[in-house]
Amino acid sequence: MDRTIVYPGSIPLDTDILGLNRNVMIGISALSQAVLGNGSIVDGLACTPTAPASMTINIGPGSITALAPIDVSAYGSMAADSTDQIIKTGINRQAIPFTLTAPVISGQSINYLIEAAFAESDTNPVVLPYVNAANPAQPYSGPNNSGGAQNTMRVQSVQLQLKPGAAAASGTQTTAPVDNGWVGLYVITVNYGQTAIIADMIETLPGAPFLNFKLPALRPGFSVMQTFNASGIFTVPPGVTTARVTVIGGGGAAGYHAVQPGAGGGGGGNASGIVSGLLPGQTIAVTVGAAGVAPTSPAYGGNGGTSSFGAYLSATGGQGGQGGTASLFATAGGIGGAGFGGQFNQSGAMGDDGSAVSSHGGSGGGAGRGRGASGPLPGQPASGYGGGGGGGGASIGASPTGSPGGAGGAGLVIVEY
């Protein structure tokens, strides 16, 4: 940031102060631009009803940034600089009220738009004392002793405007477009016969450039992990625009065969990747794939469910292992699920086949898989997320009997931000 140099004994100049003010403004502008960019950003300026409620709303204190010339007109004795562009900040320290009017025709509604813009103006006129060289003890009043007042403050503020749309049948009314050079902030819907504005009637205009987070909300890298063991909603926290997501599909259950060992269930698929372009406050549906259900009578094992993170990533569940009553050389293990949408997509491991020769059930596929059993013992359920269930063994002899298999493991979704 530039700094003015003065020396002992030199005659003070007005530019010593004016230059200091301009340099500080330019320095703050550089910092604002580095943090916020070149676009308009709004902070504060909350729109609230009055208390008690009335047809008036208040726009609270706040600020707006905008790209603007350094000075479009002369700044005291300093020349104008309308060529160089910097980020300027307009500040309102007091709330500003607006009164709205309801439509006069029954059944109609009207949308009011609140828009904002950066404003700069010279104000606070004062009659200043000037040096009278002929009689220093008697200063002039105003320039050339004219008695004229001069503006003493260049104010940067937020200009606010209430813009009504056209009244129309309720539900068909439209919002007026945002004017060039302004940014839209809120839409307030007023119905016929309405006598007071309440909070539910005030909506933030989509795309309004509000500052959604402050620096303390920023996190280094992916420092927070949220796991979903059941389906739910992920709400993007303040300051977060990128997340690392892993989805694992549910594991398939083992099959249950009447006279042979059952086959192991397939493991759930896996997908992981970086999801960018998120918006703070955005809600994303998270689905956690269910575990494949082990049958209680001879049948194929149940398939695992699909896990997903919105439309960004998904992983299908593993298929159930083979079972049933048909005479087979060996019961076939379930096929693993597949991953989609990530930078890394992986299929789940296939479940092991059940072996009639050894009377051994097939183990499930994937990490945390269930172990297949030997002889007339049930297979083990999966112990880890997305693992396949282990197949039950079979008794030996002239009339062998198969055993139930184990259930698959449920899916999982991990979100890091």
Protein backbone atom coordinates (compact mmCIF):
# COMPACT_ATOMS: atom_id res chain seq x y z
CA MET A 1 0.00 0.00 0.00
CA ASP A 2 1.37 3.43 -0.94
CA ARG A 3 2.24 5.81 1.90
CA THR A 4 2.63 9.57 1.95
CA ILE A 5 5.97 10.99 3.15
CA VAL A 6 6.10 14.29 5.10
CA TYR A 7 9.09 16.11 6.58
CA PRO A 8 9.70 18.25 9.67
CA GLY A 9 9.32 21.93 8.86
CA SER A 10 7.55 21.37 5.53
CA ILE A 11 4.27 23.20 4.94
CA PRO A 12 1.33 20.78 5.42
CA LEU A 13 -0.67 20.17 2.25
CA ASP A 14 -4.25 19.06 1.87
CA THR A 15 -3.02 16.19 -0.31
CA ASP A 16 -1.20 14.76 2.72
CA ILE A 17 -4.58 13.81 4.12
CA LEU A 18 -6.41 13.22 0.85
CA GLY A 19 -3.64 10.95 -0.43
CA LEU A 20 -3.65 8.99 2.81
CA ASN A 21 -7.41 8.43 2.52
CA ARG A 22 -7.16 7.34 -1.10
CA ASN A 23 -4.22 5.00 -0.46
CA VAL A 24 -5.99 3.32 2.45
CA MET A 25 -9.09 2.82 0.27
CA ILE A 26 -6.99 1.27 -2.50
CA GLY A 27 -5.17 -0.98 -0.03
CA ILE A 28 -8.42 -2.25 1.49
CA SER A 29 -9.75 -2.73 -2.03
CA ALA A 30 -6.83 -5.01 -2.93
CA LEU A 31 -7.49 -7.15 0.14
CA SER A 32 -11.23 -7.29 -0.58
CA GLN A 33 -10.58 -8.31 -4.17
CA ALA A 34 -8.15 -11.04 -3.10
CA VAL A 35 -10.72 -12.50 -0.69
CA LEU A 36 -14.05 -11.82 -2.41
CA GLY A 37 -13.19 -11.45 -6.09
CA ASN A 38 -14.46 -8.82 -8.54
CA GLY A 39 -18.19 -9.46 -8.26
CA SER A 40 -20.71 -7.84 -5.98
CA ILE A 41 -20.96 -9.45 -2.53
CA VAL A 42 -23.59 -8.56 0.06
CA ASP A 43 -23.15 -9.00 3.81
CA GLY A 44 -25.91 -8.35 6.32
CA LEU A 45 -28.82 -6.30 4.97
CA ALA A 46 -31.32 -8.69 6.59
CA CYS A 47 -34.94 -8.18 5.57
CA THR A 48 -37.29 -8.43 8.57
CA PRO A 49 -40.87 -7.50 9.44
CA THR A 50 -41.56 -4.80 11.99
CA ALA A 51 -42.58 -5.64 15.55
CA PRO A 52 -45.50 -5.43 15.91
CA ALA A 53 -46.08 -6.53 12.33
CA SER A 54 -47.20 -3.93 9.82
CA MET A 55 -47.00 -3.32 6.10
CA THR A 56 -43.45 -2.03 6.58
CA ILE A 57 -40.28 -4.10 6.39
CA ASN A 58 -36.76 -3.14 7.47
CA ILE A 59 -33.51 -3.76 5.64
CA GLY A 60 -30.90 -3.97 8.36
CA PRO A 61 -27.32 -2.67 8.46
CA GLY A 62 -24.86 -4.28 6.07
CA SER A 63 -22.53 -3.75 3.15
CA ILE A 64 -22.04 -4.36 -0.55
CA THR A 65 -18.89 -4.59 -2.65
CA ALA A 66 -18.69 -3.47 -6.26
CA LEU A 67 -16.08 -2.79 -8.93
CA ALA A 68 -15.94 0.99 -9.50
CA PRO A 69 -13.51 3.76 -10.58
CA ILE A 70 -11.18 5.15 -7.92
CA ASP A 71 -12.81 8.60 -8.12
CA VAL A 72 -15.21 9.64 -10.89
CA SER A 73 -14.85 13.29 -9.87
CA ALA A 74 -12.12 15.39 -8.27
CA TYR A 75 -11.38 14.43 -4.67
CA GLY A 76 -10.69 17.78 -3.05
CA SER A 77 -7.61 19.09 -4.87
CA MET A 78 -6.77 15.61 -6.22
CA ALA A 79 -7.73 14.97 -9.80
CA ALA A 80 -10.41 12.43 -10.70
CA ASP A 81 -9.30 8.90 -11.66
CA SER A 82 -12.14 7.32 -13.59
CA THR A 83 -9.90 4.85 -15.45
CA ASP A 84 -8.50 2.61 -12.72
CA GLN A 85 -11.07 0.20 -11.28
CA ILE A 86 -11.01 -1.06 -7.68
CA ILE A 87 -13.35 -2.93 -5.36
CA LYS A 88 -15.27 -0.44 -3.24
CA THR A 89 -17.42 -1.18 -0.20
CA GLY A 90 -20.67 0.60 0.55
CA ILE A 91 -21.79 0.46 4.18
CA ASN A 92 -25.15 1.15 5.80
CA ARG A 93 -25.04 1.49 9.57
CA GLN A 94 -28.75 2.03 10.10
CA ALA A 95 -31.83 0.04 9.07
CA ILE A 96 -33.86 1.39 6.16
CA PRO A 97 -37.67 0.90 6.13
CA PHE A 98 -39.91 0.26 3.12
CA THR A 99 -43.69 0.32 3.16
CA LEU A 100 -45.59 -2.05 0.86
CA THR A 101 -49.13 -1.80 -0.48
CA ALA A 102 -51.55 -4.68 -1.00
CA PRO A 103 -53.38 -5.11 -4.35
CA VAL A 104 -56.76 -3.42 -4.56
CA ILE A 105 -58.50 -6.21 -6.50
CA SER A 106 -59.73 -9.34 -4.72
CA GLY A 107 -57.84 -12.53 -5.55
CA GLN A 108 -54.70 -10.74 -6.70
CA SER A 109 -51.14 -10.77 -5.37
CA ILE A 110 -48.05 -8.71 -6.08
CA ASN A 111 -44.34 -9.43 -5.75
CA TYR A 112 -42.05 -6.69 -4.49
CA LEU A 113 -38.35 -6.86 -5.36
CA ILE A 114 -35.70 -5.44 -3.04
CA GLU A 115 -32.53 -4.63 -4.95
CA ALA A 116 -29.25 -3.01 -3.95
CA ALA A 117 -26.39 -1.14 -5.55
CA PHE A 118 -23.16 0.54 -4.50
CA ALA A 119 -23.55 4.32 -4.19
CA GLU A 120 -20.97 7.07 -3.70
CA SER A 121 -21.77 10.73 -3.09
CA ASP A 122 -20.28 13.88 -1.59
CA THR A 123 -22.20 15.20 1.40
CA ASN A 124 -22.02 16.90 4.82
CA PRO A 125 -21.68 20.52 3.58
CA VAL A 126 -19.89 22.85 5.99
CA VAL A 127 -18.83 26.53 5.75
CA LEU A 128 -15.08 26.13 6.31
CA PRO A 129 -12.67 28.73 7.65
CA TYR A 130 -9.95 29.83 5.19
CA VAL A 131 -6.69 31.64 5.78
CA ASN A 132 -6.89 35.44 5.40
CA ALA A 133 -3.35 36.46 4.46
CA ALA A 134 -4.11 40.12 5.05
CA ASN A 135 -5.36 39.50 8.58
CA PRO A 136 -4.55 35.96 9.79
CA ALA A 137 -6.42 36.63 13.05
CA GLN A 138 -9.65 37.04 11.06
CA PRO A 139 -10.16 33.92 8.82
CA TYR A 140 -12.33 34.03 5.75
CA SER A 141 -15.71 32.30 5.88
CA GLY A 142 -15.73 29.86 2.96
CA PRO A 143 -13.55 30.08 -0.17
CA ASN A 144 -12.71 33.70 -1.07
CA ASN A 145 -14.82 34.72 1.94
CA SER A 146 -17.92 33.76 -0.05
CA GLY A 147 -19.69 32.14 2.89
CA GLY A 148 -20.41 29.11 0.67
CA ALA A 149 -20.63 25.65 2.17
CA GLN A 150 -18.50 22.77 0.82
CA ASN A 151 -19.02 19.01 1.05
CA THR A 152 -16.65 17.47 3.58
CA MET A 153 -17.40 13.74 3.24
CA ARG A 154 -17.32 11.30 0.29
CA VAL A 155 -19.75 8.65 1.45
CA GLN A 156 -19.85 5.06 0.17
CA SER A 157 -23.16 3.40 1.01
CA VAL A 158 -25.68 0.75 -0.04
CA GLN A 159 -28.45 2.16 -2.19
CA LEU A 160 -31.66 0.18 -1.77
CA GLN A 161 -34.74 0.18 -3.95
CA LEU A 162 -38.23 -1.33 -3.69
CA LYS A 163 -39.52 -2.39 -7.11
CA PRO A 164 -43.11 -3.67 -7.42
CA GLY A 165 -44.16 -6.16 -10.05
CA ALA A 166 -47.55 -6.17 -11.72
CA ALA A 167 -50.51 -7.30 -9.63
CA ALA A 168 -52.07 -10.50 -11.00
CA ALA A 169 -54.22 -13.43 -9.94
CA SER A 170 -52.55 -15.11 -6.96
CA GLY A 171 -50.06 -17.70 -8.12
CA THR A 172 -49.55 -16.08 -11.53
CA GLN A 173 -47.87 -12.85 -10.44
CA THR A 174 -44.26 -12.37 -11.52
CA THR A 175 -41.29 -10.58 -10.00
CA ALA A 176 -39.92 -7.53 -11.78
CA PRO A 177 -36.46 -8.00 -13.36
CA VAL A 178 -33.39 -6.73 -11.55
CA ASP A 179 -32.20 -3.41 -12.99
CA ASN A 180 -28.84 -3.14 -14.71
CA GLY A 181 -26.13 -2.25 -12.21
CA TRP A 182 -28.18 -3.53 -9.28
CA VAL A 183 -28.32 -6.91 -7.51
CA GLY A 184 -31.57 -8.51 -6.38
CA LEU A 185 -31.84 -9.45 -2.71
CA TYR A 186 -35.40 -10.35 -1.69
CA VAL A 187 -38.90 -10.99 -3.02
CA ILE A 188 -41.87 -10.13 -0.80
CA THR A 189 -45.31 -11.42 -1.77
CA VAL A 190 -48.30 -9.33 -0.73
CA ASN A 191 -51.86 -10.57 -1.15
CA TYR A 192 -55.16 -8.72 -1.44
CA GLY A 193 -56.50 -7.66 1.94
CA GLN A 194 -53.18 -8.18 3.68
CA THR A 195 -52.55 -5.79 6.56
CA ALA A 196 -49.18 -7.00 7.84
CA ILE A 197 -45.97 -8.56 6.52
CA ILE A 198 -44.72 -11.70 8.28
CA ALA A 199 -41.43 -13.53 7.86
CA ASP A 200 -42.94 -16.34 5.73
CA MET A 201 -43.78 -13.81 3.02
CA ILE A 202 -40.13 -12.79 2.59
CA GLU A 203 -37.90 -14.94 0.38
CA THR A 204 -34.27 -14.49 -0.59
CA LEU A 205 -34.01 -14.08 -4.35
CA PRO A 206 -32.27 -17.11 -5.92
CA GLY A 207 -28.73 -16.15 -6.80
CA ALA A 208 -28.60 -13.18 -4.44
CA PRO A 209 -24.86 -12.60 -3.77
CA PHE A 210 -24.97 -12.86 0.01
CA LEU A 211 -21.77 -13.75 1.83
CA ASN A 212 -22.74 -17.20 3.09
CA PHE A 213 -19.84 -17.78 5.46
CA LYS A 214 -17.10 -15.99 7.35
CA LEU A 215 -13.43 -16.94 7.52
CA PRO A 216 -13.72 -18.92 10.80
CA ALA A 217 -16.08 -21.29 8.98
CA LEU A 218 -13.40 -22.28 6.46
CA ARG A 219 -11.71 -25.62 7.04
CA PRO A 220 -8.32 -26.82 5.76
CA GLY A 221 -8.69 -29.64 3.25
CA PHE A 222 -11.14 -32.38 4.22
CA SER A 223 -10.94 -32.09 7.98
CA VAL A 224 -14.47 -33.19 8.91
CA MET A 225 -16.01 -36.62 8.22
CA GLN A 226 -19.71 -37.41 8.31
CA THR A 227 -20.79 -41.04 7.95
CA PHE A 228 -24.25 -42.27 7.01
CA ASN A 229 -25.23 -45.71 8.28
CA ALA A 230 -28.82 -45.05 7.25
CA SER A 231 -30.41 -42.97 4.52
CA GLY A 232 -30.77 -39.27 5.24
CA ILE A 233 -29.97 -35.75 4.05
CA PHE A 234 -26.57 -34.06 3.79
CA THR A 235 -26.78 -30.29 4.19
CA VAL A 236 -23.75 -28.48 2.80
CA PRO A 237 -22.22 -26.54 5.73
CA PRO A 238 -21.22 -22.85 5.54
CA GLY A 239 -17.94 -22.36 3.73
CA VAL A 240 -18.06 -25.72 1.96
CA THR A 241 -18.13 -26.00 -1.84
CA THR A 242 -16.23 -29.26 -2.30
CA ALA A 243 -16.56 -32.66 -0.64
CA ARG A 244 -14.86 -36.02 -0.93
CA VAL A 245 -17.49 -38.76 -1.01
CA THR A 246 -17.32 -42.54 -0.76
CA VAL A 247 -20.34 -44.78 -1.35
CA ILE A 248 -20.48 -48.54 -0.70
CA GLY A 249 -23.39 -50.67 -1.82
CA GLY A 250 -25.02 -53.26 0.41
CA GLY A 251 -23.67 -56.80 0.39
CA GLY A 252 -25.68 -59.72 -0.96
CA ALA A 253 -26.85 -62.50 1.36
CA ALA A 254 -25.74 -66.11 1.00
CA GLY A 255 -28.01 -68.62 -0.65
CA TYR A 256 -29.76 -71.42 1.22
CA HIS A 257 -29.91 -74.72 -0.64
CA ALA A 258 -32.08 -77.61 0.44
CA VAL A 259 -29.46 -80.38 0.08
CA GLN A 260 -26.22 -78.62 -0.89
CA PRO A 261 -23.99 -75.94 0.62
CA GLY A 262 -25.15 -72.40 -0.14
CA ALA A 263 -23.12 -69.92 -2.16
CA GLY A 264 -21.70 -66.69 -0.71
CA GLY A 265 -23.23 -63.32 -1.47
CA GLY A 266 -21.42 -60.74 -3.63
CA GLY A 267 -19.84 -57.67 -2.10
CA GLY A 268 -21.27 -54.20 -2.67
CA GLY A 269 -19.71 -51.90 -5.26
CA ASN A 270 -17.62 -48.89 -4.33
CA ALA A 271 -17.29 -45.38 -5.77
CA SER A 272 -15.32 -42.44 -4.43
CA GLY A 273 -14.50 -39.01 -5.76
CA ILE A 274 -14.39 -35.25 -5.31
CA VAL A 275 -17.73 -33.47 -5.67
CA SER A 276 -17.32 -29.77 -6.43
CA GLY A 277 -19.65 -26.87 -7.13
CA LEU A 278 -21.65 -27.37 -3.94
CA LEU A 279 -23.53 -24.44 -2.41
CA PRO A 280 -23.71 -23.79 1.34
CA GLY A 281 -27.17 -24.75 2.55
CA GLN A 282 -27.75 -27.12 -0.38
CA THR A 283 -29.45 -30.38 0.62
CA ILE A 284 -28.43 -33.69 -0.96
CA ALA A 285 -30.31 -36.95 -0.54
CA VAL A 286 -28.16 -39.76 0.80
CA THR A 287 -29.28 -43.36 0.26
CA VAL A 288 -27.62 -46.21 2.13
CA GLY A 289 -28.07 -49.60 0.49
CA ALA A 290 -29.78 -52.20 2.64
CA ALA A 291 -28.09 -55.47 3.53
CA GLY A 292 -29.12 -58.50 1.52
CA VAL A 293 -31.59 -60.57 3.54
CA ALA A 294 -30.75 -64.21 4.23
CA PRO A 295 -33.62 -66.55 3.29
CA THR A 296 -35.18 -68.70 5.99
CA SER A 297 -36.08 -71.48 3.55
CA PRO A 298 -34.21 -72.78 0.50
CA ALA A 299 -33.83 -69.87 -1.96
CA TYR A 300 -31.32 -67.45 -3.46
CA GLY A 301 -29.90 -64.92 -1.05
CA GLY A 302 -31.34 -61.41 -1.13
CA ASN A 303 -29.53 -58.74 -3.15
CA GLY A 304 -27.87 -55.78 -1.44
CA GLY A 305 -29.31 -52.32 -2.01
CA THR A 306 -27.81 -49.38 -3.92
CA SER A 307 -26.08 -46.57 -2.04
CA SER A 308 -25.94 -43.08 -3.52
CA PHE A 309 -24.99 -39.47 -2.85
CA GLY A 310 -27.60 -37.47 -4.73
CA ALA A 311 -27.04 -37.86 -8.46
CA TYR A 312 -23.28 -37.54 -8.04
CA LEU A 313 -22.10 -41.05 -7.05
CA SER A 314 -23.72 -44.45 -6.61
CA ALA A 315 -22.77 -48.04 -5.91
CA THR A 316 -25.03 -51.00 -6.54
CA GLY A 317 -25.37 -53.87 -4.08
CA GLY A 318 -23.95 -57.34 -4.44
CA GLN A 319 -26.18 -60.12 -5.69
CA GLY A 320 -27.33 -62.91 -3.45
CA GLY A 321 -25.63 -66.29 -3.58
CA GLN A 322 -27.28 -69.24 -5.29
CA GLY A 323 -29.55 -71.58 -3.37
CA GLY A 324 -32.90 -73.23 -3.85
CA THR A 325 -33.86 -76.85 -4.52
CA ALA A 326 -32.48 -77.60 -8.01
CA SER A 327 -29.73 -80.21 -8.19
CA LEU A 328 -26.48 -78.39 -8.99
CA PHE A 329 -22.85 -79.39 -9.37
CA ALA A 330 -22.02 -76.35 -7.22
CA THR A 331 -23.98 -73.32 -6.06
CA ALA A 332 -22.63 -70.14 -7.72
CA GLY A 333 -21.51 -67.14 -5.69
CA GLY A 334 -23.29 -63.83 -6.13
CA ILE A 335 -21.82 -61.20 -8.47
CA GLY A 336 -20.41 -58.08 -6.82
CA GLY A 337 -22.01 -54.64 -7.24
CA ALA A 338 -20.50 -51.80 -9.30
CA GLY A 339 -19.50 -48.18 -8.62
CA PHE A 340 -20.52 -45.21 -10.76
CA GLY A 341 -19.78 -41.49 -10.95
CA GLY A 342 -16.54 -41.32 -8.95
CA GLN A 343 -12.99 -40.74 -9.98
CA PHE A 344 -12.46 -44.23 -8.54
CA ASN A 345 -15.10 -46.86 -9.27
CA GLN A 346 -14.69 -50.45 -8.18
CA SER A 347 -16.79 -53.58 -8.47
CA GLY A 348 -17.47 -55.63 -5.36
CA ALA A 349 -15.86 -59.04 -5.00
CA MET A 350 -17.85 -62.08 -6.11
CA GLY A 351 -19.02 -64.49 -3.46
CA ASP A 352 -17.41 -67.94 -3.37
CA ASP A 353 -19.21 -70.94 -4.79
CA GLY A 354 -20.62 -73.57 -2.45
CA SER A 355 -18.93 -76.95 -2.90
CA ALA A 356 -21.03 -80.13 -2.74
CA VAL A 357 -17.87 -82.25 -2.78
CA SER A 358 -16.53 -80.74 0.44
CA SER A 359 -19.94 -79.82 1.86
CA HIS A 360 -18.57 -76.29 2.40
CA GLY A 361 -20.60 -73.15 1.90
CA GLY A 362 -19.09 -70.29 -0.10
CA SER A 363 -17.69 -67.32 1.78
CA GLY A 364 -19.11 -63.90 0.97
CA GLY A 365 -17.35 -61.38 -1.26
CA GLY A 366 -15.56 -58.22 -0.16
CA ALA A 367 -14.04 -56.82 2.99
CA GLY A 368 -15.88 -57.82 6.15
CA ARG A 369 -17.41 -60.79 4.34
CA GLY A 370 -19.18 -63.63 6.13
CA ARG A 371 -17.38 -66.98 6.33
CA GLY A 372 -18.87 -70.03 4.70
CA ALA A 373 -19.55 -73.02 6.99
CA SER A 374 -18.48 -76.66 6.72
CA GLY A 375 -20.90 -79.42 7.39
CA PRO A 376 -24.38 -78.88 8.84
CA LEU A 377 -23.68 -75.40 10.16
CA PRO A 378 -25.17 -72.03 9.15
CA GLY A 379 -23.02 -69.50 7.29
CA GLN A 380 -21.82 -66.36 9.00
CA PRO A 381 -23.33 -62.94 8.27
CA ALA A 382 -21.06 -60.21 6.95
CA SER A 383 -19.29 -58.26 9.66
CA GLY A 384 -18.31 -55.23 7.57
CA TYR A 385 -20.00 -52.64 5.37
CA GLY A 386 -20.89 -54.01 1.96
CA GLY A 387 -19.58 -57.52 2.63
CA GLY A 388 -21.38 -60.59 1.30
CA GLY A 389 -22.89 -63.20 3.62
CA GLY A 390 -21.32 -66.64 3.98
CA GLY A 391 -23.12 -69.76 2.77
CA GLY A 392 -24.23 -72.55 5.07
CA GLY A 393 -22.69 -75.98 4.76
CA ALA A 394 -24.47 -79.30 4.22
CA SER A 395 -24.62 -82.56 6.09
CA ILE A 396 -23.09 -85.61 4.45
CA GLY A 397 -24.61 -88.99 3.82
CA ALA A 398 -27.36 -90.48 1.71
CA SER A 399 -29.80 -87.66 2.50
CA PRO A 400 -27.76 -84.45 2.87
CA THR A 401 -29.42 -81.34 4.22
CA GLY A 402 -28.29 -77.78 3.52
CA SER A 403 -28.00 -75.04 6.14
CA PRO A 404 -29.08 -71.37 6.11
CA GLY A 405 -26.65 -68.72 4.95
CA GLY A 406 -25.70 -65.40 6.49
CA ALA A 407 -27.01 -61.92 5.69
CA GLY A 408 -24.99 -59.37 3.79
CA GLY A 409 -23.57 -56.18 5.28
CA ALA A 410 -25.37 -52.86 4.93
CA GLY A 411 -23.93 -50.15 2.70
CA LEU A 412 -22.25 -46.94 3.83
CA VAL A 413 -21.82 -43.35 2.63
CA ILE A 414 -18.90 -41.21 3.86
CA VAL A 415 -18.76 -37.45 3.23
CA GLU A 416 -15.56 -35.51 4.00
CA TYR A 417 -15.36 -31.73 3.78
